[in-house]
Amino acid sequence: METLSEGWLQFLFVAVPVLSLIGTWMGLRSAGRLTRRQKDEGDHVERSDSKLD
């Protein structure tokens, strides 16, 4: 079995963490947008239970 060259190992040690960070950043960004959108929609919807007081 042939071993990986040093260049490929360096590429993998750099590319995998960078792609992981980019994926995490994109996921957190999407989650933040979704939370903000749900909060904004909740502000505009009247709640029926507030009229029961």
C-alpha atoms as a PDB file:
ATOM      1  CA  MET A   1       0.000   0.000   0.000  1.00  0.00           C
ATOM      2  CA  GLU A   2       1.403   3.341  -1.016  1.00  0.00           C
ATOM      3  CA  THR A   3       1.584   6.088   1.610  1.00  0.00           C
ATOM      4  CA  LEU A   4       0.264   9.576   1.010  1.00  0.00           C
ATOM      5  CA  SER A   5       2.779  12.184  -0.029  1.00  0.00           C
ATOM      6  CA  GLU A   6       3.636  14.993   2.333  1.00  0.00           C
ATOM      7  CA  GLY A   7       1.830  17.519   0.147  1.00  0.00           C
ATOM      8  CA  TRP A   8      -1.430  15.603   0.349  1.00  0.00           C
ATOM      9  CA  LEU A   9      -1.149  15.301   4.112  1.00  0.00           C
ATOM     10  CA  GLN A  10      -0.568  19.047   4.456  1.00  0.00           C
ATOM     11  CA  PHE A  11      -3.537  19.712   2.181  1.00  0.00           C
ATOM     12  CA  LEU A  12      -5.787  17.442   4.242  1.00  0.00           C
ATOM     13  CA  PHE A  13      -4.624  18.922   7.541  1.00  0.00           C
ATOM     14  CA  VAL A  14      -5.476  22.406   6.253  1.00  0.00           C
ATOM     15  CA  ALA A  15      -8.483  21.821   3.980  1.00  0.00           C
ATOM     16  CA  VAL A  16     -10.565  19.670   6.326  1.00  0.00           C
ATOM     17  CA  PRO A  17     -10.536  22.110   9.290  1.00  0.00           C
ATOM     18  CA  VAL A  18     -11.101  25.107   6.993  1.00  0.00           C
ATOM     19  CA  LEU A  19     -14.098  23.458   5.338  1.00  0.00           C
ATOM     20  CA  SER A  20     -15.412  22.496   8.767  1.00  0.00           C
ATOM     21  CA  LEU A  21     -15.155  26.093   9.969  1.00  0.00           C
ATOM     22  CA  ILE A  22     -16.912  27.375   6.849  1.00  0.00           C
ATOM     23  CA  GLY A  23     -19.717  24.837   7.306  1.00  0.00           C
ATOM     24  CA  THR A  24     -20.128  25.750  10.971  1.00  0.00           C
ATOM     25  CA  TRP A  25     -20.195  29.463  10.138  1.00  0.00           C
ATOM     26  CA  MET A  26     -22.832  28.936   7.432  1.00  0.00           C
ATOM     27  CA  GLY A  27     -24.957  26.818   9.779  1.00  0.00           C
ATOM     28  CA  LEU A  28     -24.841  29.362  12.586  1.00  0.00           C
ATOM     29  CA  ARG A  29     -25.641  32.152  10.146  1.00  0.00           C
ATOM     30  CA  SER A  30     -28.696  30.247   8.877  1.00  0.00           C
ATOM     31  CA  ALA A  31     -29.838  29.449  12.410  1.00  0.00           C
ATOM     32  CA  GLY A  32     -29.529  33.120  13.360  1.00  0.00           C
ATOM     33  CA  ARG A  33     -31.619  34.176  10.386  1.00  0.00           C
ATOM     34  CA  LEU A  34     -34.277  31.585  11.188  1.00  0.00           C
ATOM     35  CA  THR A  35     -34.443  32.696  14.827  1.00  0.00           C
ATOM     36  CA  ARG A  36     -34.666  36.345  13.803  1.00  0.00           C
ATOM     37  CA  ARG A  37     -37.403  35.579  11.265  1.00  0.00           C
ATOM     38  CA  GLN A  38     -39.449  33.620  13.820  1.00  0.00           C
ATOM     39  CA  LYS A  39     -39.064  36.444  16.338  1.00  0.00           C
ATOM     40  CA  ASP A  40     -40.178  39.052  13.795  1.00  0.00           C
ATOM     41  CA  GLU A  41     -43.213  37.010  12.770  1.00  0.00           C
ATOM     42  CA  GLY A  42     -44.135  36.474  16.414  1.00  0.00           C
ATOM     43  CA  ASP A  43     -44.202  40.220  17.051  1.00  0.00           C
ATOM     44  CA  HIS A  44     -46.820  40.776  14.331  1.00  0.00           C
ATOM     45  CA  VAL A  45     -49.183  37.982  15.329  1.00  0.00           C
ATOM     46  CA  GLU A  46     -51.826  38.765  17.925  1.00  0.00           C
ATOM     47  CA  ARG A  47     -52.183  36.200  20.630  1.00  0.00           C
ATOM     48  CA  SER A  48     -55.656  35.029  21.427  1.00  0.00           C
ATOM     49  CA  ASP A  49     -54.837  34.277  25.076  1.00  0.00           C
ATOM     50  CA  SER A  50     -54.078  37.948  25.828  1.00  0.00           C
ATOM     51  CA  LYS A  51     -57.746  38.807  25.219  1.00  0.00           C
ATOM     52  CA  LEU A  52     -58.890  36.427  27.950  1.00  0.00           C
ATOM     53  CA  ASP A  53     -57.691  38.649  30.811  1.00  0.00           C
END
